[in-house]
Amino acid sequence: MFRTDLRAPAHARPALVQFILRVHPCRGVPNRSVNVPENGVYIVDSGLETHKHKIWAREKRNVLNEVVKVDAKCNSEELRSIIIESIDRVTSMSKRRIQIEAEKRLGGRYNVICARGDFSYITNTEEFCQQTVGDVTCYAFKQLSEVMRARLA
């Protein structure tokens, strides 16, 4: 079902389409609405309806003003700043400087890859950052603990 505000004249309505998914209320499944603005950012609001004669089991979140930015190349701003401070045109020097500084400031063991141009890699890690300065790109990541390695095995 599509829903828009019909009280406002057509020219005053926001360019927003709201998709509503409603499922059987007695089954306790999520009741979800998704707003899709023109800019393609999805805003999702979920509630849990437990029975058709009861009110919502939990309060709906107000997500209309929340914007979550996820950087797929870096999940640690501290590691990003270390890379930016330590990067150099000589890749062999850059990776060593970044590794030493990350281990000193953040603790743990870090691996670092630096190159000019493209490179490919696969890692299992919880903390990582890839940053490019000029034509040099460096990727630093924290080695997993023995406990985490055992879980993945």
N, C-alpha and C. Protein backbone atom coordinates (compact mmCIF):
# COMPACT_ATOMS: atom_id res chain seq x y z
N MET A 1 0.85 -1.16 0.00
CA MET A 1 0.00 0.00 0.00
C MET A 1 0.90 1.23 0.00
N PHE A 2 0.60 2.21 -0.82
CA PHE A 2 1.33 3.46 -0.86
C PHE A 2 0.51 4.50 -0.12
N ARG A 3 1.17 5.35 0.65
CA ARG A 3 0.45 6.36 1.40
C ARG A 3 1.14 7.70 1.22
N THR A 4 0.39 8.72 0.97
CA THR A 4 0.93 10.07 0.89
C THR A 4 -0.06 11.00 1.58
N ASP A 5 0.37 12.15 1.94
CA ASP A 5 -0.50 13.09 2.65
C ASP A 5 -1.44 13.74 1.66
N LEU A 6 -2.72 13.37 1.71
CA LEU A 6 -3.70 13.88 0.76
C LEU A 6 -4.31 15.19 1.21
N ARG A 7 -4.01 15.64 2.42
CA ARG A 7 -4.58 16.89 2.91
C ARG A 7 -3.94 18.09 2.24
N ALA A 8 -2.69 17.98 1.88
CA ALA A 8 -2.01 19.10 1.23
C ALA A 8 -2.29 19.05 -0.27
N PRO A 9 -2.31 20.21 -0.93
CA PRO A 9 -2.48 20.18 -2.38
C PRO A 9 -1.32 19.47 -3.04
N ALA A 10 -1.53 18.93 -4.22
CA ALA A 10 -0.53 18.10 -4.90
C ALA A 10 0.80 18.82 -5.05
N HIS A 11 0.79 20.13 -5.36
CA HIS A 11 2.05 20.84 -5.57
C HIS A 11 2.82 21.07 -4.27
N ALA A 12 2.15 20.98 -3.11
CA ALA A 12 2.80 21.21 -1.81
C ALA A 12 3.27 19.93 -1.15
N ARG A 13 2.91 18.77 -1.69
CA ARG A 13 3.32 17.50 -1.09
C ARG A 13 4.81 17.27 -1.30
N PRO A 14 5.50 16.74 -0.30
CA PRO A 14 6.92 16.45 -0.49
C PRO A 14 7.10 15.30 -1.47
N ALA A 15 8.24 15.29 -2.14
CA ALA A 15 8.53 14.21 -3.08
C ALA A 15 9.00 13.01 -2.28
N LEU A 16 8.07 12.34 -1.65
CA LEU A 16 8.38 11.25 -0.74
C LEU A 16 7.33 10.17 -0.91
N VAL A 17 7.77 8.96 -1.08
CA VAL A 17 6.86 7.83 -1.19
C VAL A 17 7.05 7.00 0.06
N GLN A 18 5.98 6.60 0.69
CA GLN A 18 6.08 5.80 1.90
C GLN A 18 5.49 4.43 1.62
N PHE A 19 6.30 3.38 1.80
CA PHE A 19 5.84 2.02 1.63
C PHE A 19 5.48 1.48 3.00
N ILE A 20 4.32 0.88 3.13
CA ILE A 20 3.87 0.31 4.40
C ILE A 20 3.70 -1.19 4.21
N LEU A 21 4.32 -1.98 5.07
CA LEU A 21 4.15 -3.42 5.06
C LEU A 21 3.46 -3.80 6.35
N ARG A 22 2.28 -4.35 6.24
CA ARG A 22 1.55 -4.79 7.43
C ARG A 22 1.32 -6.28 7.29
N VAL A 23 1.60 -7.00 8.34
CA VAL A 23 1.38 -8.44 8.36
C VAL A 23 0.40 -8.75 9.47
N HIS A 24 0.00 -10.00 9.57
CA HIS A 24 -1.03 -10.40 10.53
C HIS A 24 -0.62 -9.98 11.93
N PRO A 25 -1.42 -9.17 12.63
CA PRO A 25 -1.03 -8.63 13.93
C PRO A 25 -0.96 -9.66 15.04
N CYS A 26 -1.63 -10.79 14.93
CA CYS A 26 -1.63 -11.78 16.01
C CYS A 26 -0.35 -12.60 16.04
N ARG A 27 0.45 -12.52 15.00
CA ARG A 27 1.65 -13.35 14.94
C ARG A 27 2.88 -12.67 15.52
N GLY A 28 2.78 -11.45 15.95
CA GLY A 28 3.91 -10.77 16.59
C GLY A 28 5.06 -10.52 15.65
N VAL A 29 4.79 -10.21 14.40
CA VAL A 29 5.85 -9.97 13.43
C VAL A 29 6.02 -8.47 13.23
N PRO A 30 7.16 -8.04 12.74
CA PRO A 30 7.40 -6.61 12.60
C PRO A 30 6.39 -5.93 11.69
N ASN A 31 6.10 -4.73 12.04
CA ASN A 31 5.24 -3.86 11.27
C ASN A 31 6.15 -2.73 10.81
N ARG A 32 6.44 -2.61 9.54
CA ARG A 32 7.51 -1.75 9.09
C ARG A 32 7.02 -0.74 8.06
N SER A 33 7.55 0.46 8.15
CA SER A 33 7.32 1.44 7.09
C SER A 33 8.67 1.97 6.64
N VAL A 34 8.79 2.19 5.34
CA VAL A 34 10.04 2.67 4.77
C VAL A 34 9.74 3.93 3.98
N ASN A 35 10.43 5.01 4.30
CA ASN A 35 10.30 6.26 3.54
C ASN A 35 11.43 6.33 2.54
N VAL A 36 11.12 6.64 1.29
CA VAL A 36 12.13 6.74 0.25
C VAL A 36 12.10 8.15 -0.33
N PRO A 37 12.94 9.07 0.16
CA PRO A 37 12.99 10.41 -0.40
C PRO A 37 13.62 10.39 -1.78
N GLU A 38 13.56 11.50 -2.48
CA GLU A 38 14.11 11.60 -3.83
C GLU A 38 15.60 11.32 -3.87
N ASN A 39 16.34 11.65 -2.81
CA ASN A 39 17.79 11.49 -2.85
C ASN A 39 18.24 10.04 -2.64
N GLY A 40 17.32 9.10 -2.46
CA GLY A 40 17.67 7.69 -2.38
C GLY A 40 18.10 7.22 -1.01
N VAL A 41 18.02 8.04 0.03
CA VAL A 41 18.36 7.62 1.38
C VAL A 41 17.13 6.96 1.98
N TYR A 42 17.27 5.75 2.47
CA TYR A 42 16.13 5.03 3.02
C TYR A 42 16.01 5.32 4.50
N ILE A 43 14.81 5.58 4.95
CA ILE A 43 14.53 5.81 6.37
C ILE A 43 13.54 4.75 6.79
N VAL A 44 13.93 3.89 7.73
CA VAL A 44 13.11 2.76 8.12
C VAL A 44 12.65 2.94 9.56
N ASP A 45 11.40 2.65 9.82
CA ASP A 45 10.85 2.71 11.16
C ASP A 45 10.12 1.40 11.41
N SER A 46 10.49 0.67 12.46
CA SER A 46 9.88 -0.62 12.75
C SER A 46 9.24 -0.60 14.12
N GLY A 47 8.15 -1.31 14.25
CA GLY A 47 7.51 -1.50 15.54
C GLY A 47 7.12 -2.96 15.63
N LEU A 48 6.78 -3.45 16.79
CA LEU A 48 6.37 -4.83 16.95
C LEU A 48 4.98 -4.85 17.52
N GLU A 49 4.05 -5.40 16.77
CA GLU A 49 2.66 -5.47 17.19
C GLU A 49 2.42 -6.89 17.68
N THR A 50 2.02 -7.05 18.93
CA THR A 50 1.91 -8.39 19.50
C THR A 50 0.52 -8.99 19.35
N HIS A 51 -0.51 -8.20 19.35
CA HIS A 51 -1.87 -8.71 19.23
C HIS A 51 -2.74 -7.59 18.69
N LYS A 52 -3.74 -7.92 17.91
CA LYS A 52 -4.53 -6.87 17.27
C LYS A 52 -5.31 -6.03 18.27
N HIS A 53 -5.52 -6.53 19.48
CA HIS A 53 -6.27 -5.77 20.48
C HIS A 53 -5.35 -5.03 21.44
N LYS A 54 -4.04 -5.19 21.30
CA LYS A 54 -3.10 -4.51 22.19
C LYS A 54 -2.42 -3.37 21.44
N ILE A 55 -1.84 -2.48 22.21
CA ILE A 55 -1.07 -1.41 21.59
C ILE A 55 0.33 -1.95 21.28
N TRP A 56 1.16 -1.13 20.67
CA TRP A 56 2.51 -1.54 20.30
C TRP A 56 3.27 -2.10 21.50
N ALA A 57 4.03 -3.16 21.27
CA ALA A 57 4.84 -3.76 22.32
C ALA A 57 6.02 -2.87 22.67
N ARG A 58 6.47 -2.08 21.73
CA ARG A 58 7.54 -1.13 22.01
C ARG A 58 7.25 0.15 21.24
N GLU A 59 7.82 1.21 21.72
CA GLU A 59 7.62 2.50 21.08
C GLU A 59 8.39 2.54 19.78
N LYS A 60 7.80 3.15 18.77
CA LYS A 60 8.50 3.30 17.50
C LYS A 60 9.66 4.27 17.67
N ARG A 61 10.75 3.97 16.98
CA ARG A 61 11.90 4.87 17.00
C ARG A 61 11.62 6.07 16.10
N ASN A 62 12.12 7.20 16.49
CA ASN A 62 12.02 8.37 15.64
C ASN A 62 13.30 8.43 14.82
N VAL A 63 13.26 7.87 13.61
CA VAL A 63 14.46 7.81 12.79
C VAL A 63 14.47 8.85 11.69
N LEU A 64 13.45 9.68 11.64
CA LEU A 64 13.40 10.67 10.57
C LEU A 64 14.55 11.66 10.64
N ASN A 65 15.07 11.92 11.83
CA ASN A 65 16.16 12.87 11.97
C ASN A 65 17.51 12.18 12.16
N GLU A 66 17.53 10.85 12.15
CA GLU A 66 18.78 10.12 12.33
C GLU A 66 19.37 9.78 10.98
N VAL A 67 20.63 10.09 10.78
CA VAL A 67 21.34 9.70 9.58
C VAL A 67 22.57 8.93 10.03
N VAL A 68 22.69 7.71 9.58
CA VAL A 68 23.82 6.87 9.95
C VAL A 68 24.75 6.79 8.75
N LYS A 69 25.98 7.22 8.94
CA LYS A 69 26.97 7.19 7.88
C LYS A 69 27.92 6.04 8.15
N VAL A 70 28.01 5.14 7.21
CA VAL A 70 28.88 3.99 7.35
C VAL A 70 29.95 4.08 6.27
N ASP A 71 31.20 4.05 6.69
CA ASP A 71 32.32 4.08 5.75
C ASP A 71 32.83 2.66 5.59
N ALA A 72 32.64 2.08 4.42
CA ALA A 72 33.03 0.69 4.18
C ALA A 72 34.55 0.51 4.13
N LYS A 73 35.29 1.60 4.01
CA LYS A 73 36.74 1.49 3.93
C LYS A 73 37.45 1.76 5.25
N CYS A 74 36.72 2.27 6.24
CA CYS A 74 37.38 2.61 7.50
C CYS A 74 36.37 2.63 8.64
N ASN A 75 36.66 1.87 9.69
CA ASN A 75 35.77 1.90 10.86
C ASN A 75 36.48 2.45 12.10
N SER A 76 37.65 3.07 11.90
CA SER A 76 38.41 3.63 13.02
C SER A 76 39.00 4.98 12.62
N GLU A 77 38.44 6.05 13.16
CA GLU A 77 38.95 7.39 12.85
C GLU A 77 40.37 7.59 13.39
N GLU A 78 40.68 6.96 14.51
CA GLU A 78 42.03 7.06 15.07
C GLU A 78 43.04 6.41 14.12
N LEU A 79 42.69 5.25 13.58
CA LEU A 79 43.57 4.58 12.62
C LEU A 79 43.70 5.41 11.34
N ARG A 80 42.61 6.04 10.92
CA ARG A 80 42.67 6.91 9.73
C ARG A 80 43.65 8.06 9.96
N SER A 81 43.60 8.68 11.13
CA SER A 81 44.50 9.81 11.39
C SER A 81 45.96 9.34 11.45
N ILE A 82 46.20 8.15 11.97
CA ILE A 82 47.57 7.60 11.99
C ILE A 82 48.07 7.41 10.57
N ILE A 83 47.23 6.87 9.69
CA ILE A 83 47.64 6.66 8.29
C ILE A 83 47.95 8.00 7.63
N ILE A 84 47.07 8.98 7.80
CA ILE A 84 47.27 10.29 7.16
C ILE A 84 48.56 10.95 7.66
N GLU A 85 48.84 10.84 8.96
CA GLU A 85 50.05 11.44 9.54
C GLU A 85 51.32 10.73 9.09
N SER A 86 51.24 9.42 8.84
CA SER A 86 52.45 8.62 8.61
C SER A 86 52.71 8.27 7.16
N ILE A 87 51.77 8.54 6.27
CA ILE A 87 51.93 8.11 4.87
C ILE A 87 53.01 8.92 4.17
N ASP A 88 53.70 8.27 3.24
CA ASP A 88 54.82 8.86 2.53
C ASP A 88 54.79 8.31 1.11
N ARG A 89 55.47 8.99 0.18
CA ARG A 89 55.50 8.48 -1.20
C ARG A 89 56.28 7.17 -1.31
N VAL A 90 57.17 6.92 -0.38
CA VAL A 90 57.90 5.65 -0.36
C VAL A 90 57.05 4.66 0.43
N THR A 91 56.45 3.70 -0.27
CA THR A 91 55.47 2.81 0.35
C THR A 91 56.08 1.92 1.43
N SER A 92 57.33 1.50 1.26
CA SER A 92 57.95 0.63 2.27
C SER A 92 58.14 1.38 3.59
N MET A 93 58.44 2.67 3.52
CA MET A 93 58.57 3.47 4.74
C MET A 93 57.20 3.74 5.35
N SER A 94 56.21 4.00 4.51
CA SER A 94 54.86 4.30 4.99
C SER A 94 54.29 3.16 5.80
N LYS A 95 54.37 1.96 5.26
CA LYS A 95 53.74 0.82 5.96
C LYS A 95 54.41 0.55 7.31
N ARG A 96 55.71 0.73 7.38
CA ARG A 96 56.40 0.49 8.65
C ARG A 96 56.05 1.58 9.67
N ARG A 97 56.02 2.85 9.23
CA ARG A 97 55.66 3.95 10.13
C ARG A 97 54.24 3.78 10.67
N ILE A 98 53.31 3.43 9.77
CA ILE A 98 51.91 3.25 10.17
C ILE A 98 51.79 2.11 11.17
N GLN A 99 52.48 1.01 10.91
CA GLN A 99 52.41 -0.15 11.81
C GLN A 99 52.95 0.20 13.20
N ILE A 100 54.10 0.84 13.25
CA ILE A 100 54.70 1.19 14.54
C ILE A 100 53.79 2.15 15.32
N GLU A 101 53.28 3.18 14.64
CA GLU A 101 52.44 4.18 15.31
C GLU A 101 51.11 3.58 15.77
N ALA A 102 50.50 2.72 14.95
CA ALA A 102 49.22 2.09 15.33
C ALA A 102 49.40 1.18 16.54
N GLU A 103 50.46 0.39 16.54
CA GLU A 103 50.69 -0.51 17.67
C GLU A 103 51.01 0.27 18.94
N LYS A 104 51.72 1.40 18.80
CA LYS A 104 52.05 2.22 19.96
C LYS A 104 50.81 2.92 20.53
N ARG A 105 50.01 3.54 19.66
CA ARG A 105 48.86 4.33 20.12
C ARG A 105 47.61 3.51 20.40
N LEU A 106 47.40 2.45 19.66
CA LEU A 106 46.15 1.70 19.79
C LEU A 106 46.31 0.36 20.50
N GLY A 107 47.52 -0.13 20.60
CA GLY A 107 47.74 -1.44 21.22
C GLY A 107 47.37 -2.55 20.25
N GLY A 108 47.85 -3.74 20.49
CA GLY A 108 47.56 -4.86 19.60
C GLY A 108 48.56 -4.93 18.46
N ARG A 109 48.33 -5.89 17.57
CA ARG A 109 49.21 -6.08 16.42
C ARG A 109 48.47 -5.67 15.16
N TYR A 110 49.14 -4.89 14.31
CA TYR A 110 48.53 -4.37 13.08
C TYR A 110 49.33 -4.81 11.87
N ASN A 111 48.62 -5.11 10.81
CA ASN A 111 49.22 -5.38 9.51
C ASN A 111 48.91 -4.18 8.62
N VAL A 112 49.84 -3.85 7.72
CA VAL A 112 49.68 -2.69 6.85
C VAL A 112 50.10 -3.06 5.44
N ILE A 113 49.28 -2.66 4.47
CA ILE A 113 49.57 -2.83 3.05
C ILE A 113 49.57 -1.43 2.44
N CYS A 114 50.62 -1.06 1.72
CA CYS A 114 50.67 0.22 1.02
C CYS A 114 51.09 -0.02 -0.42
N ALA A 115 50.49 0.72 -1.35
CA ALA A 115 50.83 0.58 -2.76
C ALA A 115 50.40 1.81 -3.53
N ARG A 116 51.01 1.98 -4.68
CA ARG A 116 50.54 2.98 -5.64
C ARG A 116 49.66 2.22 -6.62
N GLY A 117 48.49 2.74 -6.89
CA GLY A 117 47.58 2.06 -7.80
C GLY A 117 46.73 1.05 -7.06
N ASP A 118 46.18 0.10 -7.81
CA ASP A 118 45.25 -0.88 -7.26
C ASP A 118 45.97 -2.03 -6.57
N PHE A 119 45.33 -2.57 -5.55
CA PHE A 119 45.76 -3.82 -4.96
C PHE A 119 44.53 -4.52 -4.42
N SER A 120 44.65 -5.82 -4.23
CA SER A 120 43.52 -6.63 -3.80
C SER A 120 43.90 -7.36 -2.52
N TYR A 121 42.94 -7.53 -1.63
CA TYR A 121 43.22 -8.18 -0.36
C TYR A 121 41.94 -8.73 0.23
N ILE A 122 42.10 -9.70 1.12
CA ILE A 122 41.00 -10.23 1.93
C ILE A 122 41.52 -10.30 3.35
N THR A 123 40.75 -9.78 4.30
CA THR A 123 41.17 -9.83 5.69
C THR A 123 40.00 -10.23 6.58
N ASN A 124 40.32 -10.81 7.71
CA ASN A 124 39.36 -11.04 8.79
C ASN A 124 39.83 -10.16 9.93
N THR A 125 39.04 -9.17 10.26
CA THR A 125 39.46 -8.21 11.27
C THR A 125 38.24 -7.50 11.84
N GLU A 126 38.44 -6.84 12.97
CA GLU A 126 37.38 -6.04 13.57
C GLU A 126 37.68 -4.55 13.47
N GLU A 127 38.93 -4.20 13.24
CA GLU A 127 39.32 -2.79 13.14
C GLU A 127 40.18 -2.62 11.90
N PHE A 128 39.80 -1.69 11.03
CA PHE A 128 40.50 -1.52 9.76
C PHE A 128 40.34 -0.10 9.25
N CYS A 129 41.23 0.28 8.34
CA CYS A 129 41.09 1.57 7.67
C CYS A 129 41.93 1.57 6.40
N GLN A 130 41.33 2.03 5.32
CA GLN A 130 42.04 2.24 4.06
C GLN A 130 41.96 3.71 3.73
N GLN A 131 43.11 4.32 3.45
CA GLN A 131 43.16 5.75 3.19
C GLN A 131 44.13 6.02 2.06
N THR A 132 43.77 6.93 1.17
CA THR A 132 44.63 7.33 0.06
C THR A 132 45.07 8.77 0.27
N VAL A 133 46.36 9.01 0.10
CA VAL A 133 46.92 10.36 0.12
C VAL A 133 47.78 10.47 -1.13
N GLY A 134 47.41 11.39 -2.01
CA GLY A 134 48.11 11.48 -3.29
C GLY A 134 47.86 10.23 -4.10
N ASP A 135 48.93 9.58 -4.54
CA ASP A 135 48.77 8.34 -5.31
C ASP A 135 49.11 7.09 -4.49
N VAL A 136 49.28 7.25 -3.18
CA VAL A 136 49.61 6.12 -2.30
C VAL A 136 48.38 5.77 -1.46
N THR A 137 48.01 4.49 -1.51
CA THR A 137 46.90 3.98 -0.70
C THR A 137 47.46 3.00 0.32
N CYS A 138 47.05 3.16 1.56
CA CYS A 138 47.46 2.23 2.62
C CYS A 138 46.22 1.66 3.30
N TYR A 139 46.31 0.38 3.61
CA TYR A 139 45.25 -0.33 4.32
C TYR A 139 45.88 -0.93 5.57
N ALA A 140 45.36 -0.56 6.73
CA ALA A 140 45.87 -1.08 8.01
C ALA A 140 44.73 -1.80 8.72
N PHE A 141 45.05 -2.93 9.32
CA PHE A 141 44.02 -3.67 10.06
C PHE A 141 44.64 -4.37 11.25
N LYS A 142 43.83 -4.51 12.30
CA LYS A 142 44.28 -5.15 13.52
C LYS A 142 44.15 -6.66 13.38
N GLN A 143 45.18 -7.37 13.81
CA GLN A 143 45.11 -8.83 13.79
C GLN A 143 44.08 -9.31 14.79
N LEU A 144 43.38 -10.37 14.44
CA LEU A 144 42.39 -10.94 15.34
C LEU A 144 43.06 -11.62 16.52
N SER A 145 42.40 -11.59 17.66
CA SER A 145 42.91 -12.29 18.83
C SER A 145 42.75 -13.80 18.62
N GLU A 146 43.42 -14.58 19.44
CA GLU A 146 43.32 -16.04 19.34
C GLU A 146 41.89 -16.51 19.54
N VAL A 147 41.15 -15.84 20.42
CA VAL A 147 39.76 -16.19 20.68
C VAL A 147 38.92 -16.00 19.42
N MET A 148 39.11 -14.87 18.75
CA MET A 148 38.35 -14.60 17.53
C MET A 148 38.74 -15.57 16.41
N ARG A 149 40.01 -15.89 16.31
CA ARG A 149 40.45 -16.86 15.29
C ARG A 149 39.82 -18.22 15.52
N ALA A 150 39.72 -18.62 16.79
CA ALA A 150 39.11 -19.91 17.12
C ALA A 150 37.63 -19.92 16.74
N ARG A 151 36.96 -18.80 16.92
CA ARG A 151 35.53 -18.73 16.55
C ARG A 151 35.33 -18.87 15.05
N LEU A 152 36.26 -18.32 14.26
CA LEU A 152 36.15 -18.38 12.81
C LEU A 152 36.53 -19.74 12.24
N ALA A 153 37.30 -20.50 13.00
CA ALA A 153 37.78 -21.80 12.50
C ALA A 153 36.69 -22.85 12.50
